[in-house]
Amino acid sequence: MDTCRDYGFKDQITRSALSVPSNIAEGCERKSLKERQRFFAIAKGSIGEFATQADIGSEVGFVPKDVAARWQSEALQISRMLGALIKSLEQ
């Protein structure tokens, strides 16, 4: 990513990646269960957005394919963890 000259793409993928832990942290600080679930769901959406951007970045040559594949694998793991967390709060 350091060599990527598309600053709009860099900014967007950085914002979606940073949104994940930020929304998890904000959700953890909320008192109501409904609010926690909402922020965790936003984080789950952001990790999906990040995975999509990694795929697009790889296809257009902004991100090396091996790096994008690793990011997508990690994003899938995080998405599954967030899904399990959200589901556990529904019970």
N, C-alpha and C. Protein backbone atom coordinates (compact mmCIF):
# COMPACT_ATOMS: atom_id res chain seq x y z
N MET A 1 0.82 -1.20 0.00
CA MET A 1 0.00 0.00 0.00
C MET A 1 0.86 1.26 0.00
N ASP A 2 2.07 1.16 0.45
CA ASP A 2 2.93 2.35 0.50
C ASP A 2 3.19 2.93 -0.89
N THR A 3 3.18 2.08 -1.90
CA THR A 3 3.45 2.55 -3.26
C THR A 3 2.18 2.93 -4.02
N CYS A 4 1.02 2.71 -3.42
CA CYS A 4 -0.24 3.03 -4.08
C CYS A 4 -0.40 4.55 -4.19
N ARG A 5 -0.64 5.00 -5.43
CA ARG A 5 -0.78 6.44 -5.66
C ARG A 5 -2.23 6.89 -5.70
N ASP A 6 -3.16 5.94 -5.58
CA ASP A 6 -4.57 6.30 -5.55
C ASP A 6 -4.94 6.61 -4.10
N TYR A 7 -4.83 7.88 -3.75
CA TYR A 7 -5.02 8.28 -2.35
C TYR A 7 -6.46 8.11 -1.90
N GLY A 8 -7.41 8.19 -2.82
CA GLY A 8 -8.81 7.95 -2.47
C GLY A 8 -9.01 6.51 -2.03
N PHE A 9 -8.41 5.58 -2.78
CA PHE A 9 -8.50 4.16 -2.42
C PHE A 9 -7.82 3.91 -1.08
N LYS A 10 -6.61 4.44 -0.91
CA LYS A 10 -5.88 4.26 0.35
C LYS A 10 -6.69 4.79 1.53
N ASP A 11 -7.28 5.96 1.34
CA ASP A 11 -8.07 6.57 2.40
C ASP A 11 -9.28 5.70 2.74
N GLN A 12 -9.98 5.22 1.72
CA GLN A 12 -11.19 4.43 1.94
C GLN A 12 -10.89 3.10 2.64
N ILE A 13 -9.87 2.40 2.17
CA ILE A 13 -9.56 1.10 2.79
C ILE A 13 -9.03 1.29 4.21
N THR A 14 -8.29 2.38 4.44
CA THR A 14 -7.81 2.68 5.79
C THR A 14 -8.98 3.00 6.71
N ARG A 15 -9.92 3.81 6.22
CA ARG A 15 -11.08 4.17 7.06
C ARG A 15 -11.93 2.95 7.40
N SER A 16 -12.15 2.06 6.44
CA SER A 16 -12.97 0.88 6.74
C SER A 16 -12.24 -0.02 7.74
N ALA A 17 -10.92 -0.16 7.59
CA ALA A 17 -10.15 -0.99 8.53
C ALA A 17 -10.16 -0.39 9.93
N LEU A 18 -9.99 0.91 10.03
CA LEU A 18 -9.98 1.57 11.35
C LEU A 18 -11.36 1.59 12.00
N SER A 19 -12.39 1.54 11.19
CA SER A 19 -13.75 1.56 11.70
C SER A 19 -14.07 0.31 12.52
N VAL A 20 -13.46 -0.81 12.18
CA VAL A 20 -13.77 -2.08 12.87
C VAL A 20 -13.43 -2.01 14.36
N PRO A 21 -12.18 -1.80 14.75
CA PRO A 21 -11.89 -1.76 16.19
C PRO A 21 -12.53 -0.57 16.89
N SER A 22 -12.71 0.53 16.16
CA SER A 22 -13.34 1.71 16.77
C SER A 22 -14.78 1.41 17.16
N ASN A 23 -15.52 0.73 16.27
CA ASN A 23 -16.91 0.40 16.58
C ASN A 23 -17.01 -0.69 17.64
N ILE A 24 -16.07 -1.62 17.65
CA ILE A 24 -16.06 -2.63 18.72
C ILE A 24 -15.83 -1.94 20.06
N ALA A 25 -14.86 -1.04 20.12
CA ALA A 25 -14.58 -0.32 21.37
C ALA A 25 -15.78 0.50 21.81
N GLU A 26 -16.40 1.19 20.86
CA GLU A 26 -17.57 2.00 21.22
C GLU A 26 -18.70 1.12 21.71
N GLY A 27 -18.91 -0.02 21.05
CA GLY A 27 -19.95 -0.95 21.49
C GLY A 27 -19.71 -1.46 22.90
N CYS A 28 -18.46 -1.74 23.22
CA CYS A 28 -18.12 -2.23 24.56
C CYS A 28 -18.42 -1.21 25.65
N GLU A 29 -18.40 0.05 25.29
CA GLU A 29 -18.64 1.12 26.27
C GLU A 29 -20.13 1.44 26.44
N ARG A 30 -20.98 0.89 25.60
CA ARG A 30 -22.41 1.17 25.69
C ARG A 30 -23.06 0.35 26.79
N LYS A 31 -24.02 0.95 27.45
CA LYS A 31 -24.68 0.28 28.56
C LYS A 31 -25.79 -0.66 28.09
N SER A 32 -26.52 -0.26 27.07
CA SER A 32 -27.65 -1.10 26.66
C SER A 32 -27.20 -2.18 25.68
N LEU A 33 -27.82 -3.33 25.80
CA LEU A 33 -27.52 -4.46 24.93
C LEU A 33 -27.80 -4.12 23.47
N LYS A 34 -28.89 -3.43 23.23
CA LYS A 34 -29.27 -3.07 21.86
C LYS A 34 -28.20 -2.17 21.21
N GLU A 35 -27.68 -1.23 21.97
CA GLU A 35 -26.63 -0.34 21.45
C GLU A 35 -25.34 -1.12 21.17
N ARG A 36 -24.98 -2.03 22.08
CA ARG A 36 -23.79 -2.85 21.86
C ARG A 36 -23.92 -3.65 20.57
N GLN A 37 -25.08 -4.28 20.40
CA GLN A 37 -25.32 -5.07 19.19
C GLN A 37 -25.20 -4.20 17.94
N ARG A 38 -25.74 -3.00 18.01
CA ARG A 38 -25.71 -2.11 16.85
C ARG A 38 -24.27 -1.76 16.45
N PHE A 39 -23.43 -1.42 17.42
CA PHE A 39 -22.05 -1.07 17.10
C PHE A 39 -21.25 -2.29 16.62
N PHE A 40 -21.53 -3.46 17.19
CA PHE A 40 -20.86 -4.67 16.71
C PHE A 40 -21.30 -4.99 15.28
N ALA A 41 -22.57 -4.75 14.97
CA ALA A 41 -23.07 -4.97 13.61
C ALA A 41 -22.42 -3.99 12.63
N ILE A 42 -22.22 -2.76 13.05
CA ILE A 42 -21.54 -1.77 12.20
C ILE A 42 -20.10 -2.24 11.95
N ALA A 43 -19.44 -2.74 12.99
CA ALA A 43 -18.07 -3.26 12.82
C ALA A 43 -18.05 -4.42 11.84
N LYS A 44 -19.06 -5.29 11.91
CA LYS A 44 -19.14 -6.43 10.99
C LYS A 44 -19.32 -5.94 9.55
N GLY A 45 -20.13 -4.92 9.37
CA GLY A 45 -20.29 -4.33 8.04
C GLY A 45 -18.99 -3.72 7.53
N SER A 46 -18.27 -3.07 8.42
CA SER A 46 -17.00 -2.45 8.03
C SER A 46 -15.96 -3.48 7.62
N ILE A 47 -15.94 -4.63 8.30
CA ILE A 47 -14.95 -5.65 7.92
C ILE A 47 -15.32 -6.25 6.57
N GLY A 48 -16.62 -6.33 6.28
CA GLY A 48 -17.04 -6.78 4.95
C GLY A 48 -16.64 -5.79 3.88
N GLU A 49 -16.79 -4.52 4.19
CA GLU A 49 -16.38 -3.46 3.27
C GLU A 49 -14.87 -3.54 3.02
N PHE A 50 -14.10 -3.73 4.07
CA PHE A 50 -12.65 -3.84 3.94
C PHE A 50 -12.27 -5.03 3.05
N ALA A 51 -12.91 -6.18 3.26
CA ALA A 51 -12.59 -7.36 2.45
C ALA A 51 -12.89 -7.11 0.98
N THR A 52 -14.00 -6.44 0.71
CA THR A 52 -14.36 -6.11 -0.67
C THR A 52 -13.34 -5.17 -1.28
N GLN A 53 -12.91 -4.18 -0.52
CA GLN A 53 -11.92 -3.23 -1.03
C GLN A 53 -10.57 -3.91 -1.27
N ALA A 54 -10.22 -4.87 -0.43
CA ALA A 54 -8.99 -5.63 -0.64
C ALA A 54 -9.07 -6.40 -1.95
N ASP A 55 -10.23 -6.99 -2.21
CA ASP A 55 -10.42 -7.74 -3.46
C ASP A 55 -10.32 -6.82 -4.67
N ILE A 56 -11.00 -5.69 -4.60
CA ILE A 56 -10.96 -4.73 -5.71
C ILE A 56 -9.53 -4.20 -5.88
N GLY A 57 -8.88 -3.87 -4.77
CA GLY A 57 -7.50 -3.37 -4.83
C GLY A 57 -6.57 -4.36 -5.48
N SER A 58 -6.79 -5.63 -5.22
CA SER A 58 -5.98 -6.68 -5.84
C SER A 58 -6.25 -6.75 -7.34
N GLU A 59 -7.51 -6.67 -7.71
CA GLU A 59 -7.88 -6.78 -9.13
C GLU A 59 -7.33 -5.62 -9.97
N VAL A 60 -7.28 -4.44 -9.39
CA VAL A 60 -6.79 -3.28 -10.16
C VAL A 60 -5.30 -3.02 -9.97
N GLY A 61 -4.65 -3.86 -9.17
CA GLY A 61 -3.20 -3.76 -9.02
C GLY A 61 -2.71 -2.84 -7.92
N PHE A 62 -3.60 -2.39 -7.04
CA PHE A 62 -3.18 -1.53 -5.93
C PHE A 62 -2.59 -2.34 -4.78
N VAL A 63 -3.04 -3.58 -4.64
CA VAL A 63 -2.63 -4.44 -3.53
C VAL A 63 -2.12 -5.75 -4.13
N PRO A 64 -0.95 -6.22 -3.72
CA PRO A 64 -0.48 -7.52 -4.22
C PRO A 64 -1.49 -8.63 -3.89
N LYS A 65 -1.67 -9.56 -4.81
CA LYS A 65 -2.68 -10.60 -4.64
C LYS A 65 -2.49 -11.41 -3.36
N ASP A 66 -1.25 -11.72 -2.99
CA ASP A 66 -1.01 -12.50 -1.78
C ASP A 66 -1.39 -11.70 -0.52
N VAL A 67 -1.14 -10.41 -0.55
CA VAL A 67 -1.51 -9.55 0.59
C VAL A 67 -3.03 -9.46 0.69
N ALA A 68 -3.69 -9.25 -0.44
CA ALA A 68 -5.15 -9.16 -0.44
C ALA A 68 -5.77 -10.47 0.04
N ALA A 69 -5.22 -11.60 -0.37
CA ALA A 69 -5.75 -12.90 0.07
C ALA A 69 -5.61 -13.06 1.58
N ARG A 70 -4.47 -12.63 2.12
CA ARG A 70 -4.27 -12.70 3.58
C ARG A 70 -5.25 -11.79 4.30
N TRP A 71 -5.43 -10.57 3.79
CA TRP A 71 -6.38 -9.63 4.40
C TRP A 71 -7.79 -10.19 4.36
N GLN A 72 -8.16 -10.79 3.24
CA GLN A 72 -9.51 -11.33 3.12
C GLN A 72 -9.72 -12.51 4.07
N SER A 73 -8.71 -13.35 4.23
CA SER A 73 -8.80 -14.47 5.16
C SER A 73 -8.96 -13.96 6.59
N GLU A 74 -8.16 -12.97 6.96
CA GLU A 74 -8.26 -12.40 8.31
C GLU A 74 -9.61 -11.70 8.50
N ALA A 75 -10.08 -11.02 7.46
CA ALA A 75 -11.38 -10.33 7.55
C ALA A 75 -12.50 -11.34 7.75
N LEU A 76 -12.43 -12.48 7.07
CA LEU A 76 -13.44 -13.52 7.23
C LEU A 76 -13.45 -14.05 8.66
N GLN A 77 -12.27 -14.26 9.23
CA GLN A 77 -12.18 -14.73 10.62
C GLN A 77 -12.79 -13.70 11.58
N ILE A 78 -12.47 -12.44 11.37
CA ILE A 78 -13.00 -11.38 12.23
C ILE A 78 -14.51 -11.29 12.07
N SER A 79 -14.99 -11.39 10.84
CA SER A 79 -16.43 -11.34 10.58
C SER A 79 -17.15 -12.47 11.30
N ARG A 80 -16.58 -13.66 11.25
CA ARG A 80 -17.19 -14.81 11.94
C ARG A 80 -17.20 -14.59 13.45
N MET A 81 -16.11 -14.05 13.99
CA MET A 81 -16.06 -13.79 15.43
C MET A 81 -17.11 -12.75 15.83
N LEU A 82 -17.23 -11.70 15.02
CA LEU A 82 -18.24 -10.68 15.32
C LEU A 82 -19.64 -11.26 15.21
N GLY A 83 -19.86 -12.09 14.20
CA GLY A 83 -21.17 -12.74 14.05
C GLY A 83 -21.52 -13.58 15.26
N ALA A 84 -20.55 -14.34 15.76
CA ALA A 84 -20.77 -15.17 16.95
C ALA A 84 -21.02 -14.30 18.17
N LEU A 85 -20.30 -13.19 18.29
CA LEU A 85 -20.51 -12.27 19.41
C LEU A 85 -21.91 -11.69 19.36
N ILE A 86 -22.32 -11.22 18.20
CA ILE A 86 -23.66 -10.65 18.05
C ILE A 86 -24.72 -11.68 18.38
N LYS A 87 -24.54 -12.90 17.87
CA LYS A 87 -25.51 -13.97 18.13
C LYS A 87 -25.59 -14.30 19.62
N SER A 88 -24.43 -14.30 20.30
CA SER A 88 -24.42 -14.61 21.73
C SER A 88 -25.17 -13.55 22.54
N LEU A 89 -25.17 -12.33 22.06
CA LEU A 89 -25.87 -11.26 22.76
C LEU A 89 -27.38 -11.33 22.54
N GLU A 90 -27.80 -12.03 21.49
CA GLU A 90 -29.23 -12.17 21.20
C GLU A 90 -29.88 -13.22 22.08
N GLN A 91 -29.08 -14.07 22.70
CA GLN A 91 -29.64 -15.17 23.50
C GLN A 91 -29.89 -14.75 24.92
